[in-house]
């Protein structure tokens, strides 16, 4: 009789980890359609400015357009900055894989994804995207040993 599988490891939520999460899980849209909201804000702001309505509100809407443009243009930088400014940045996370599912525990977050809730596991070059009702989570291969990698690959 084999004993149930269980693997526990710790890793730090540092810039390299966040960068890997972004690279493996986000698809960047570089077409003009990504900028439609920014253009919409800009043109509405200019139209309000030309009509002589409230100039402060007009410049505010134009500023929102510029902010949205920056959000699209510098998506990874913007996202990484927000993650590094969060209270979770720099903390240690304990990741546990077992027969029940994947659980992670840090000072600020305690979560568990049950295998029964997982709808899809997508293997990427550097990790796994785990789709579940709460969204999509990323597990880096860098923190897993060969046994844990084989365990997740058997679940794919």
Protein backbone atom coordinates (compact mmCIF):
# COMPACT_ATOMS: atom_id res chain seq x y z
CA UNK A 1 0.00 0.00 0.00
CA UNK A 2 1.38 3.39 -0.91
CA UNK A 3 1.28 6.32 1.44
CA UNK A 4 -0.64 9.44 0.38
CA UNK A 5 1.42 12.04 -1.44
CA UNK A 6 2.34 15.23 0.38
CA UNK A 7 4.92 17.86 -0.56
CA UNK A 8 5.64 21.10 1.29
CA UNK A 9 8.01 23.89 0.31
CA UNK A 10 8.57 27.56 1.02
CA UNK A 11 9.37 30.44 -1.28
CA UNK A 12 9.51 34.20 -1.12
CA UNK A 13 7.14 36.57 -2.89
CA UNK A 14 9.90 38.63 -4.51
CA UNK A 15 10.15 40.54 -7.76
CA UNK A 16 11.51 37.53 -9.67
CA UNK A 17 8.53 35.40 -8.58
CA UNK A 18 5.99 38.08 -9.47
CA UNK A 19 7.69 38.66 -12.84
CA UNK A 20 7.53 34.94 -13.65
CA UNK A 21 3.85 34.83 -12.66
CA UNK A 22 3.08 37.72 -14.99
CA UNK A 23 5.11 36.34 -17.90
CA UNK A 24 3.49 32.91 -17.70
CA UNK A 25 -0.11 33.92 -17.03
CA UNK A 26 -0.82 37.20 -18.84
CA UNK A 27 -1.22 37.59 -22.57
CA UNK A 28 -0.39 41.11 -23.67
CA UNK A 29 -2.60 42.66 -26.34
CA UNK A 30 -0.46 44.94 -28.53
CA UNK A 31 -3.19 45.87 -31.00
CA UNK A 32 -4.89 49.26 -31.15
CA UNK A 33 -8.01 47.71 -29.58
CA UNK A 34 -6.23 47.61 -26.21
CA UNK A 35 -6.09 51.41 -26.28
CA UNK A 36 -9.81 52.00 -27.06
CA UNK A 37 -10.73 52.89 -23.47
CA UNK A 38 -7.80 55.33 -23.26
CA UNK A 39 -8.81 56.93 -26.56
CA UNK A 40 -12.43 57.10 -25.42
CA UNK A 41 -11.48 58.95 -22.23
CA UNK A 42 -9.22 61.30 -24.17
CA UNK A 43 -11.81 62.20 -26.82
CA UNK A 44 -14.61 62.62 -24.28
CA UNK A 45 -12.35 64.89 -22.24
CA UNK A 46 -11.41 66.96 -25.28
CA UNK A 47 -15.09 67.20 -26.30
CA UNK A 48 -16.03 68.39 -22.81
CA UNK A 49 -13.18 70.90 -22.91
CA UNK A 50 -14.31 72.25 -26.28
CA UNK A 51 -17.93 72.62 -25.14
CA UNK A 52 -16.88 74.91 -22.32
CA UNK A 53 -18.28 72.68 -19.56
CA UNK A 54 -16.34 72.32 -16.36
CA UNK A 55 -12.65 72.58 -17.34
CA UNK A 56 -11.48 70.70 -14.24
CA UNK A 57 -13.72 67.74 -15.04
CA UNK A 58 -12.55 67.81 -18.66
CA UNK A 59 -8.88 67.72 -17.68
CA UNK A 60 -9.66 64.97 -15.16
CA UNK A 61 -11.18 62.80 -17.91
CA UNK A 62 -8.19 63.53 -20.18
CA UNK A 63 -5.92 62.53 -17.29
CA UNK A 64 -7.86 59.26 -16.92
CA UNK A 65 -7.21 58.62 -20.60
CA UNK A 66 -3.48 59.21 -20.10
CA UNK A 67 -3.48 56.93 -17.05
CA UNK A 68 -5.29 54.19 -18.98
CA UNK A 69 -2.83 54.56 -21.88
CA UNK A 70 0.05 54.10 -19.42
CA UNK A 71 -1.68 51.08 -17.91
CA UNK A 72 -1.84 49.41 -21.34
CA UNK A 73 1.59 50.52 -22.55
CA UNK A 74 3.44 49.58 -19.35
CA UNK A 75 1.21 46.71 -18.23
CA UNK A 76 3.93 44.48 -16.76
CA UNK A 77 5.76 47.35 -15.04
CA UNK A 78 2.49 48.67 -13.63
CA UNK A 79 1.42 45.23 -12.40
CA UNK A 80 4.83 44.45 -10.87
CA UNK A 81 4.90 47.80 -9.09
CA UNK A 82 1.46 47.17 -7.60
CA UNK A 83 2.51 43.69 -6.42
CA UNK A 84 5.76 44.96 -4.91
CA UNK A 85 3.87 47.71 -3.07
CA UNK A 86 1.38 45.22 -1.61
CA UNK A 87 1.69 44.03 1.95
CA UNK A 88 2.29 40.47 0.71
CA UNK A 89 5.55 41.36 -1.09
CA UNK A 90 8.65 39.94 0.55
CA UNK A 91 6.75 37.43 2.68
CA UNK A 92 7.42 33.71 2.81
CA UNK A 93 4.74 31.40 1.43
CA UNK A 94 4.35 27.78 2.44
CA UNK A 95 3.02 25.71 -0.46
CA UNK A 96 1.59 22.26 0.18
CA UNK A 97 0.56 19.72 -2.46
CA UNK A 98 -1.36 16.68 -1.28
CA UNK A 99 -4.18 14.35 -2.23
CA UNK A 100 -6.77 17.00 -1.31
CA UNK A 101 -5.33 19.82 -3.38
CA UNK A 102 -2.97 22.78 -3.31
CA UNK A 103 -2.80 25.01 -0.27
CA UNK A 104 -0.72 28.09 0.32
CA UNK A 105 -0.21 29.88 3.57
CA UNK A 106 1.51 33.18 4.33
CA UNK A 107 1.13 35.83 6.99
CA UNK A 108 -1.62 37.56 5.01
CA UNK A 109 -3.17 34.84 2.84
CA UNK A 110 -4.37 31.32 3.48
CA UNK A 111 -5.92 29.58 0.50
CA UNK A 112 -6.73 26.09 -0.65
CA UNK A 113 -7.65 24.80 -4.08
CA UNK A 114 -9.24 21.36 -3.98
CA UNK A 115 -8.47 19.00 -6.84
CA UNK A 116 -12.20 18.45 -7.24
CA UNK A 117 -12.61 22.19 -7.97
CA UNK A 118 -9.84 22.32 -10.58
CA UNK A 119 -11.32 22.55 -14.07
CA UNK A 120 -8.05 22.65 -16.02
CA UNK A 121 -4.29 22.51 -15.50
CA UNK A 122 -2.19 24.13 -18.20
CA UNK A 123 1.51 23.35 -18.20
CA UNK A 124 3.66 26.32 -19.25
CA UNK A 125 7.41 26.49 -19.77
CA UNK A 126 8.08 27.55 -16.17
CA UNK A 127 5.02 26.42 -14.22
CA UNK A 128 1.37 25.45 -14.13
CA UNK A 129 -1.77 27.54 -14.57
CA UNK A 130 -4.50 26.05 -12.41
CA UNK A 131 -8.04 27.06 -13.35
CA UNK A 132 -10.68 26.85 -10.63
CA UNK A 133 -13.95 28.61 -9.75
CA UNK A 134 -12.06 31.38 -7.93
CA UNK A 135 -9.97 32.25 -11.01
CA UNK A 136 -6.59 31.10 -12.22
CA UNK A 137 -3.60 30.43 -9.98
CA UNK A 138 0.03 29.94 -10.94
CA UNK A 139 2.47 27.44 -9.44
CA UNK A 140 6.11 27.78 -10.44
CA UNK A 141 8.10 24.67 -11.34
CA UNK A 142 11.07 26.34 -9.70
CA UNK A 143 9.74 25.56 -6.21
CA UNK A 144 8.74 21.97 -6.98
CA UNK A 145 10.89 18.85 -6.91
CA UNK A 146 10.66 16.01 -9.46
CA UNK A 147 8.12 14.05 -7.41
CA UNK A 148 5.82 17.08 -7.09
CA UNK A 149 6.17 17.82 -10.82
CA UNK A 150 5.21 14.24 -11.65
CA UNK A 151 2.25 14.42 -9.23
CA UNK A 152 0.86 17.56 -10.94
CA UNK A 153 1.60 16.20 -14.42
CA UNK A 154 -0.47 13.10 -13.55
CA UNK A 155 -3.37 15.44 -12.72
CA UNK A 156 -3.18 17.22 -16.10
